[in-house]
Amino acid sequence: MKIADKIREAGFLRRENRFACLVELKGSKERVYLPNSGRLNSLLFPGQTVFLAERSSSSRRTRYDLVMTLLNGKLVSVDAHVPGELVYQALCQRGLPQFGEYSSVQREVAFGGSRLDFLLSNHLPQCFLEVKSVTLVQEGRALFPDAPTLRGRRHLKSLTWAKKEGYEAAIVFVIQREDAASFSPNDAVDAEFGQILRAAQLQRVATYAYRCKVSPREIELAEQVPICL
């Protein structure tokens, strides 16, 4: 998946709010949009090298999106919209064997008080599928979330309800970096999310995690990694 035609390197200065950051670009300060509401404390700090995608239009207040950061010599994608697009492309191309028998893909489908990312259909029982963006890795283990997530808990509960109602249900954690060997819920940050995820798996909500291959202009799903609950 192409990230952008034009990528600019900049220096991170500070985060102004959830979705706005200040960077130094060619000696000038530039306010940019951050497409991620997570904390990202381990990825965004003063002096950090970041990468910007030019997305200027008349309807925007900022010219650039902050889409990647360079951490210990490796690129990390921080755009929270990317995982959903990666999974959508893979579903359409039958690139995820777990879901290869589904021929219809609907996006943003309401169920159980949530709006879930996908509803997969054909002659089999329909399958609700939720995708989560993961950017935090510690000692080779990807962790989600990096901040307490009421929305994430609600999505898991909706998936569990869907399973009880006769649907198939699954969640895919997309790790937007290459240095993860496994995935676990981040109990230190949101223990309740971890509890709900474990309960969902006991109810046979399928759980998968994939790391990504990231280059300056492209990102793609790579290997599946084991989940340690």
C-alpha atoms as a PDB file:
ATOM      1  CA  MET A   1       0.000   0.000   0.000  1.00  0.00           C
ATOM      2  CA  LYS A   2       1.443   3.337  -1.011  1.00  0.00           C
ATOM      3  CA  ILE A   3       1.581   5.827   1.855  1.00  0.00           C
ATOM      4  CA  ALA A   4       2.034   8.964  -0.253  1.00  0.00           C
ATOM      5  CA  ASP A   5       3.729  10.268  -3.390  1.00  0.00           C
ATOM      6  CA  LYS A   6       5.667  12.892  -1.455  1.00  0.00           C
ATOM      7  CA  ILE A   7       7.312  12.183   1.898  1.00  0.00           C
ATOM      8  CA  ARG A   8       9.246  14.874   3.794  1.00  0.00           C
ATOM      9  CA  GLU A   9      11.642  14.336   6.685  1.00  0.00           C
ATOM     10  CA  ALA A  10      11.227  16.610   9.710  1.00  0.00           C
ATOM     11  CA  GLY A  11      12.173  16.947  13.363  1.00  0.00           C
ATOM     12  CA  PHE A  12       9.530  16.478  16.024  1.00  0.00           C
ATOM     13  CA  LEU A  13       9.094  19.400  18.437  1.00  0.00           C
ATOM     14  CA  ARG A  14       5.969  18.759  20.466  1.00  0.00           C
ATOM     15  CA  ARG A  15       2.419  17.496  20.455  1.00  0.00           C
ATOM     16  CA  GLU A  16      -0.092  20.323  20.768  1.00  0.00           C
ATOM     17  CA  ASN A  17      -3.209  18.174  21.199  1.00  0.00           C
ATOM     18  CA  ARG A  18      -4.485  14.712  20.262  1.00  0.00           C
ATOM     19  CA  PHE A  19      -4.341  15.354  16.541  1.00  0.00           C
ATOM     20  CA  ALA A  20      -1.898  18.245  16.064  1.00  0.00           C
ATOM     21  CA  CYS A  21       1.884  18.353  16.333  1.00  0.00           C
ATOM     22  CA  LEU A  22       4.575  20.931  15.786  1.00  0.00           C
ATOM     23  CA  VAL A  23       7.596  19.892  13.733  1.00  0.00           C
ATOM     24  CA  GLU A  24      10.645  21.580  12.258  1.00  0.00           C
ATOM     25  CA  LEU A  25      10.695  21.333   8.495  1.00  0.00           C
ATOM     26  CA  LYS A  26      13.571  22.896   6.541  1.00  0.00           C
ATOM     27  CA  GLY A  27      14.354  25.282   9.387  1.00  0.00           C
ATOM     28  CA  SER A  28      10.773  26.445   9.906  1.00  0.00           C
ATOM     29  CA  LYS A  29       8.095  25.378  12.368  1.00  0.00           C
ATOM     30  CA  GLU A  30       5.164  23.588  10.763  1.00  0.00           C
ATOM     31  CA  ARG A  31       1.888  22.515  12.358  1.00  0.00           C
ATOM     32  CA  VAL A  32       0.883  19.056  11.090  1.00  0.00           C
ATOM     33  CA  TYR A  33      -2.004  16.649  11.508  1.00  0.00           C
ATOM     34  CA  LEU A  34      -1.442  13.438  13.480  1.00  0.00           C
ATOM     35  CA  PRO A  35      -3.882  10.692  12.361  1.00  0.00           C
ATOM     36  CA  ASN A  36      -3.667   8.834  15.657  1.00  0.00           C
ATOM     37  CA  SER A  37      -5.234   9.585  19.043  1.00  0.00           C
ATOM     38  CA  GLY A  38      -2.993   7.191  20.984  1.00  0.00           C
ATOM     39  CA  ARG A  39      -0.346   8.407  23.397  1.00  0.00           C
ATOM     40  CA  LEU A  40       2.651   7.390  21.232  1.00  0.00           C
ATOM     41  CA  ASN A  41       4.995   8.463  24.041  1.00  0.00           C
ATOM     42  CA  SER A  42       7.712   6.043  22.985  1.00  0.00           C
ATOM     43  CA  LEU A  43       7.563   7.192  19.361  1.00  0.00           C
ATOM     44  CA  LEU A  44       7.102  10.959  19.469  1.00  0.00           C
ATOM     45  CA  PHE A  45       9.478  13.055  21.550  1.00  0.00           C
ATOM     46  CA  PRO A  46      11.513  16.225  20.956  1.00  0.00           C
ATOM     47  CA  GLY A  47      14.275  15.733  18.430  1.00  0.00           C
ATOM     48  CA  GLN A  48      12.782  12.542  16.969  1.00  0.00           C
ATOM     49  CA  THR A  49      12.971  12.131  13.192  1.00  0.00           C
ATOM     50  CA  VAL A  50       9.490  11.935  11.690  1.00  0.00           C
ATOM     51  CA  PHE A  51       8.106  11.722   8.177  1.00  0.00           C
ATOM     52  CA  LEU A  52       5.325  13.784   6.681  1.00  0.00           C
ATOM     53  CA  ALA A  53       2.949  13.026   3.831  1.00  0.00           C
ATOM     54  CA  GLU A  54       1.813  16.038   1.843  1.00  0.00           C
ATOM     55  CA  ARG A  55      -1.983  16.088   1.927  1.00  0.00           C
ATOM     56  CA  SER A  56      -2.810  19.718   1.264  1.00  0.00           C
ATOM     57  CA  SER A  57      -6.295  20.723   0.124  1.00  0.00           C
ATOM     58  CA  SER A  58      -8.620  23.679   0.481  1.00  0.00           C
ATOM     59  CA  SER A  59     -10.595  21.888   3.213  1.00  0.00           C
ATOM     60  CA  ARG A  60      -7.585  21.300   5.485  1.00  0.00           C
ATOM     61  CA  ARG A  61      -5.894  23.535   8.026  1.00  0.00           C
ATOM     62  CA  THR A  62      -2.594  21.692   7.735  1.00  0.00           C
ATOM     63  CA  ARG A  63      -0.535  20.791   4.699  1.00  0.00           C
ATOM     64  CA  TYR A  64       0.984  17.584   6.056  1.00  0.00           C
ATOM     65  CA  ASP A  65       0.118  14.405   7.939  1.00  0.00           C
ATOM     66  CA  LEU A  66       2.682  12.951  10.324  1.00  0.00           C
ATOM     67  CA  VAL A  67       2.680   9.336   9.121  1.00  0.00           C
ATOM     68  CA  MET A  68       5.932   7.724  10.281  1.00  0.00           C
ATOM     69  CA  THR A  69       8.712   7.981  12.797  1.00  0.00           C
ATOM     70  CA  LEU A  70      12.242   6.562  12.846  1.00  0.00           C
ATOM     71  CA  LEU A  71      12.992   4.569  15.988  1.00  0.00           C
ATOM     72  CA  ASN A  72      16.326   2.782  16.503  1.00  0.00           C
ATOM     73  CA  GLY A  73      16.917   2.806  12.778  1.00  0.00           C
ATOM     74  CA  LYS A  74      13.522   1.290  11.897  1.00  0.00           C
ATOM     75  CA  LEU A  75      10.446   2.960  10.465  1.00  0.00           C
ATOM     76  CA  VAL A  76       7.179   2.867  12.394  1.00  0.00           C
ATOM     77  CA  SER A  77       3.885   3.847  10.767  1.00  0.00           C
ATOM     78  CA  VAL A  78       1.675   5.860  13.124  1.00  0.00           C
ATOM     79  CA  ASP A  79      -1.341   6.489  10.875  1.00  0.00           C
ATOM     80  CA  ALA A  80      -4.233   4.723  12.618  1.00  0.00           C
ATOM     81  CA  HIS A  81      -6.220   4.598   9.364  1.00  0.00           C
ATOM     82  CA  VAL A  82      -3.638   2.424   7.603  1.00  0.00           C
ATOM     83  CA  PRO A  83      -4.444  -0.959   9.268  1.00  0.00           C
ATOM     84  CA  GLY A  84      -8.069  -0.896   8.154  1.00  0.00           C
ATOM     85  CA  GLU A  85      -7.023  -0.153   4.569  1.00  0.00           C
ATOM     86  CA  LEU A  86      -4.388  -2.894   4.619  1.00  0.00           C
ATOM     87  CA  VAL A  87      -6.889  -5.466   5.853  1.00  0.00           C
ATOM     88  CA  TYR A  88      -9.536  -4.282   3.378  1.00  0.00           C
ATOM     89  CA  GLN A  89      -7.127  -4.717   0.471  1.00  0.00           C
ATOM     90  CA  ALA A  90      -6.095  -8.141   1.749  1.00  0.00           C
ATOM     91  CA  LEU A  91      -9.733  -9.228   2.099  1.00  0.00           C
ATOM     92  CA  CYS A  92     -10.581  -8.102  -1.422  1.00  0.00           C
ATOM     93  CA  GLN A  93      -7.538  -9.935  -2.803  1.00  0.00           C
ATOM     94  CA  ARG A  94      -8.201 -13.076  -0.706  1.00  0.00           C
ATOM     95  CA  GLY A  95      -4.841 -12.441   0.940  1.00  0.00           C
ATOM     96  CA  LEU A  96      -5.890 -13.521   4.441  1.00  0.00           C
ATOM     97  CA  PRO A  97      -6.435 -17.289   4.412  1.00  0.00           C
ATOM     98  CA  GLN A  98      -8.565 -17.178   7.584  1.00  0.00           C
ATOM     99  CA  PHE A  99     -11.197 -15.213   5.652  1.00  0.00           C
ATOM    100  CA  GLY A 100     -10.593 -16.534   2.143  1.00  0.00           C
ATOM    101  CA  GLU A 101     -14.030 -18.138   1.776  1.00  0.00           C
ATOM    102  CA  TYR A 102     -15.889 -14.849   2.190  1.00  0.00           C
ATOM    103  CA  SER A 103     -16.771 -13.154  -1.091  1.00  0.00           C
ATOM    104  CA  SER A 104     -18.549 -10.001   0.161  1.00  0.00           C
ATOM    105  CA  VAL A 105     -16.930  -7.274   2.268  1.00  0.00           C
ATOM    106  CA  GLN A 106     -19.009  -4.492   3.841  1.00  0.00           C
ATOM    107  CA  ARG A 107     -17.361  -1.677   5.760  1.00  0.00           C
ATOM    108  CA  GLU A 108     -18.484   0.129   8.928  1.00  0.00           C
ATOM    109  CA  VAL A 109     -21.423  -2.046   9.945  1.00  0.00           C
ATOM    110  CA  ALA A 110     -23.379  -1.324  13.139  1.00  0.00           C
ATOM    111  CA  PHE A 111     -23.900  -4.133  15.631  1.00  0.00           C
ATOM    112  CA  GLY A 112     -24.333  -4.351  19.390  1.00  0.00           C
ATOM    113  CA  GLY A 113     -23.848  -0.668  20.116  1.00  0.00           C
ATOM    114  CA  SER A 114     -20.676  -0.500  18.023  1.00  0.00           C
ATOM    115  CA  ARG A 115     -19.717   0.274  14.471  1.00  0.00           C
ATOM    116  CA  LEU A 116     -17.445  -2.594  13.502  1.00  0.00           C
ATOM    117  CA  ASP A 117     -14.940  -2.363  10.662  1.00  0.00           C
ATOM    118  CA  PHE A 118     -16.179  -5.191   8.426  1.00  0.00           C
ATOM    119  CA  LEU A 119     -19.000  -7.638   7.841  1.00  0.00           C
ATOM    120  CA  LEU A 120     -17.934 -10.590   5.678  1.00  0.00           C
ATOM    121  CA  SER A 121     -20.583 -12.627   3.881  1.00  0.00           C
ATOM    122  CA  ASN A 122     -21.311 -15.508   1.521  1.00  0.00           C
ATOM    123  CA  HIS A 123     -23.052 -18.855   2.089  1.00  0.00           C
ATOM    124  CA  LEU A 124     -21.252 -19.277   5.420  1.00  0.00           C
ATOM    125  CA  PRO A 125     -22.364 -17.590   8.648  1.00  0.00           C
ATOM    126  CA  GLN A 126     -21.542 -13.892   8.347  1.00  0.00           C
ATOM    127  CA  CYS A 127     -18.418 -12.718  10.146  1.00  0.00           C
ATOM    128  CA  PHE A 128     -17.916  -9.424  11.971  1.00  0.00           C
ATOM    129  CA  LEU A 129     -14.299  -8.312  11.871  1.00  0.00           C
ATOM    130  CA  GLU A 130     -12.635  -5.502  13.820  1.00  0.00           C
ATOM    131  CA  VAL A 131      -9.117  -4.160  13.118  1.00  0.00           C
ATOM    132  CA  LYS A 132      -6.856  -2.444  15.656  1.00  0.00           C
ATOM    133  CA  SER A 133      -3.738  -0.380  15.015  1.00  0.00           C
ATOM    134  CA  VAL A 134      -0.703  -1.314  17.128  1.00  0.00           C
ATOM    135  CA  THR A 135       2.411   0.885  17.341  1.00  0.00           C
ATOM    136  CA  LEU A 136       3.891   0.034  20.745  1.00  0.00           C
ATOM    137  CA  VAL A 137       6.571  -2.683  20.991  1.00  0.00           C
ATOM    138  CA  GLN A 138       8.562  -3.495  24.117  1.00  0.00           C
ATOM    139  CA  GLU A 139      11.334  -6.102  24.101  1.00  0.00           C
ATOM    140  CA  GLY A 140       9.979  -7.628  20.903  1.00  0.00           C
ATOM    141  CA  ARG A 141       6.382  -7.841  22.107  1.00  0.00           C
ATOM    142  CA  ALA A 142       3.671  -5.697  20.505  1.00  0.00           C
ATOM    143  CA  LEU A 143       1.218  -4.257  23.016  1.00  0.00           C
ATOM    144  CA  PHE A 144      -2.279  -2.806  22.650  1.00  0.00           C
ATOM    145  CA  PRO A 145      -3.566  -0.380  23.726  1.00  0.00           C
ATOM    146  CA  ASP A 146      -1.068   2.347  24.624  1.00  0.00           C
ATOM    147  CA  ALA A 147      -3.821   4.248  26.478  1.00  0.00           C
ATOM    148  CA  PRO A 148      -7.084   3.093  28.126  1.00  0.00           C
ATOM    149  CA  THR A 149      -9.633   2.405  25.394  1.00  0.00           C
ATOM    150  CA  LEU A 150     -13.343   2.441  26.164  1.00  0.00           C
ATOM    151  CA  ARG A 151     -14.032   2.115  22.449  1.00  0.00           C
ATOM    152  CA  GLY A 152     -11.816  -0.945  22.146  1.00  0.00           C
ATOM    153  CA  ARG A 153     -13.559  -2.638  25.065  1.00  0.00           C
ATOM    154  CA  ARG A 154     -16.954  -1.905  23.520  1.00  0.00           C
ATOM    155  CA  HIS A 155     -15.869  -3.401  20.186  1.00  0.00           C
ATOM    156  CA  LEU A 156     -14.719  -6.608  21.879  1.00  0.00           C
ATOM    157  CA  LYS A 157     -18.004  -6.907  23.745  1.00  0.00           C
ATOM    158  CA  SER A 158     -19.905  -6.442  20.481  1.00  0.00           C
ATOM    159  CA  LEU A 159     -17.822  -9.156  18.810  1.00  0.00           C
ATOM    160  CA  THR A 160     -18.543 -11.503  21.708  1.00  0.00           C
ATOM    161  CA  TRP A 161     -22.243 -10.771  21.449  1.00  0.00           C
ATOM    162  CA  ALA A 162     -22.132 -11.384  17.688  1.00  0.00           C
ATOM    163  CA  LYS A 163     -20.563 -14.791  18.308  1.00  0.00           C
ATOM    164  CA  LYS A 164     -23.294 -15.688  20.795  1.00  0.00           C
ATOM    165  CA  GLU A 165     -25.911 -14.617  18.229  1.00  0.00           C
ATOM    166  CA  GLY A 166     -24.611 -17.129  15.683  1.00  0.00           C
ATOM    167  CA  TYR A 167     -22.229 -14.974  13.671  1.00  0.00           C
ATOM    168  CA  GLU A 168     -18.526 -15.589  13.275  1.00  0.00           C
ATOM    169  CA  ALA A 169     -16.409 -12.885  14.905  1.00  0.00           C
ATOM    170  CA  ALA A 170     -12.736 -11.936  14.726  1.00  0.00           C
ATOM    171  CA  ILE A 171     -10.272  -9.205  15.631  1.00  0.00           C
ATOM    172  CA  VAL A 172      -7.010  -8.474  13.817  1.00  0.00           C
ATOM    173  CA  PHE A 173      -4.214  -6.479  15.454  1.00  0.00           C
ATOM    174  CA  VAL A 174      -2.049  -4.832  12.800  1.00  0.00           C
ATOM    175  CA  ILE A 175       1.418  -4.011  14.158  1.00  0.00           C
ATOM    176  CA  GLN A 176       2.690  -1.106  12.077  1.00  0.00           C
ATOM    177  CA  ARG A 177       6.364  -1.998  12.412  1.00  0.00           C
ATOM    178  CA  GLU A 178       8.740  -4.898  11.723  1.00  0.00           C
ATOM    179  CA  ASP A 179      10.338  -5.559  15.120  1.00  0.00           C
ATOM    180  CA  ALA A 180       7.531  -7.474  16.870  1.00  0.00           C
ATOM    181  CA  ALA A 181       7.879 -11.203  17.520  1.00  0.00           C
ATOM    182  CA  SER A 182       4.573 -11.608  19.398  1.00  0.00           C
ATOM    183  CA  PHE A 183       1.497  -9.719  20.586  1.00  0.00           C
ATOM    184  CA  SER A 184      -0.124  -9.298  24.003  1.00  0.00           C
ATOM    185  CA  PRO A 185      -2.803  -7.050  25.504  1.00  0.00           C
ATOM    186  CA  ASN A 186      -1.227  -4.185  27.432  1.00  0.00           C
ATOM    187  CA  ASP A 187      -2.502  -5.083  30.890  1.00  0.00           C
ATOM    188  CA  ALA A 188      -0.335  -2.445  32.568  1.00  0.00           C
ATOM    189  CA  VAL A 189      -2.232   0.281  30.715  1.00  0.00           C
ATOM    190  CA  ASP A 190      -5.742  -1.201  30.372  1.00  0.00           C
ATOM    191  CA  ALA A 191      -6.221  -4.381  32.387  1.00  0.00           C
ATOM    192  CA  GLU A 192      -9.952  -4.436  31.610  1.00  0.00           C
ATOM    193  CA  PHE A 193      -9.274  -4.575  27.863  1.00  0.00           C
ATOM    194  CA  GLY A 194      -7.028  -7.582  28.447  1.00  0.00           C
ATOM    195  CA  GLN A 195      -9.693  -9.309  30.520  1.00  0.00           C
ATOM    196  CA  ILE A 196     -12.337  -8.716  27.864  1.00  0.00           C
ATOM    197  CA  LEU A 197     -10.004  -9.959  25.115  1.00  0.00           C
ATOM    198  CA  ARG A 198      -9.302 -13.176  27.018  1.00  0.00           C
ATOM    199  CA  ALA A 199     -13.022 -13.667  27.670  1.00  0.00           C
ATOM    200  CA  ALA A 200     -13.752 -13.059  23.987  1.00  0.00           C
ATOM    201  CA  GLN A 201     -11.242 -15.686  22.947  1.00  0.00           C
ATOM    202  CA  LEU A 202     -12.848 -18.168  25.335  1.00  0.00           C
ATOM    203  CA  GLN A 203     -16.111 -17.473  23.483  1.00  0.00           C
ATOM    204  CA  ARG A 204     -14.241 -18.370  20.259  1.00  0.00           C
ATOM    205  CA  VAL A 205     -13.825 -14.866  18.916  1.00  0.00           C
ATOM    206  CA  ALA A 206     -10.871 -15.432  16.578  1.00  0.00           C
ATOM    207  CA  THR A 207      -7.800 -13.311  17.359  1.00  0.00           C
ATOM    208  CA  TYR A 208      -4.923 -12.628  14.969  1.00  0.00           C
ATOM    209  CA  ALA A 209      -1.888 -10.347  14.875  1.00  0.00           C
ATOM    210  CA  TYR A 210       0.256  -9.354  11.894  1.00  0.00           C
ATOM    211  CA  ARG A 211       3.373  -7.258  11.754  1.00  0.00           C
ATOM    212  CA  CYS A 212       4.067  -4.997   8.790  1.00  0.00           C
ATOM    213  CA  LYS A 213       6.906  -4.274   6.430  1.00  0.00           C
ATOM    214  CA  VAL A 214       7.431  -0.513   6.339  1.00  0.00           C
ATOM    215  CA  SER A 215       9.422   1.511   3.820  1.00  0.00           C
ATOM    216  CA  PRO A 216       9.552   5.299   3.295  1.00  0.00           C
ATOM    217  CA  ARG A 217       6.617   5.280   0.883  1.00  0.00           C
ATOM    218  CA  GLU A 218       4.905   1.918   1.328  1.00  0.00           C
ATOM    219  CA  ILE A 219       3.569  -0.402   4.004  1.00  0.00           C
ATOM    220  CA  GLU A 220       2.314  -3.959   3.646  1.00  0.00           C
ATOM    221  CA  LEU A 221       1.097  -6.786   5.844  1.00  0.00           C
ATOM    222  CA  ALA A 222       3.876  -9.259   6.566  1.00  0.00           C
ATOM    223  CA  GLU A 223       4.084 -12.274   8.862  1.00  0.00           C
ATOM    224  CA  GLN A 224       1.491 -13.371  11.366  1.00  0.00           C
ATOM    225  CA  VAL A 225       2.893 -13.360  14.906  1.00  0.00           C
ATOM    226  CA  PRO A 226       1.811 -15.463  17.901  1.00  0.00           C
ATOM    227  CA  ILE A 227      -0.569 -14.048  20.499  1.00  0.00           C
ATOM    228  CA  CYS A 228       0.391 -14.420  24.152  1.00  0.00           C
ATOM    229  CA  LEU A 229      -2.549 -13.876  26.501  1.00  0.00           C
END
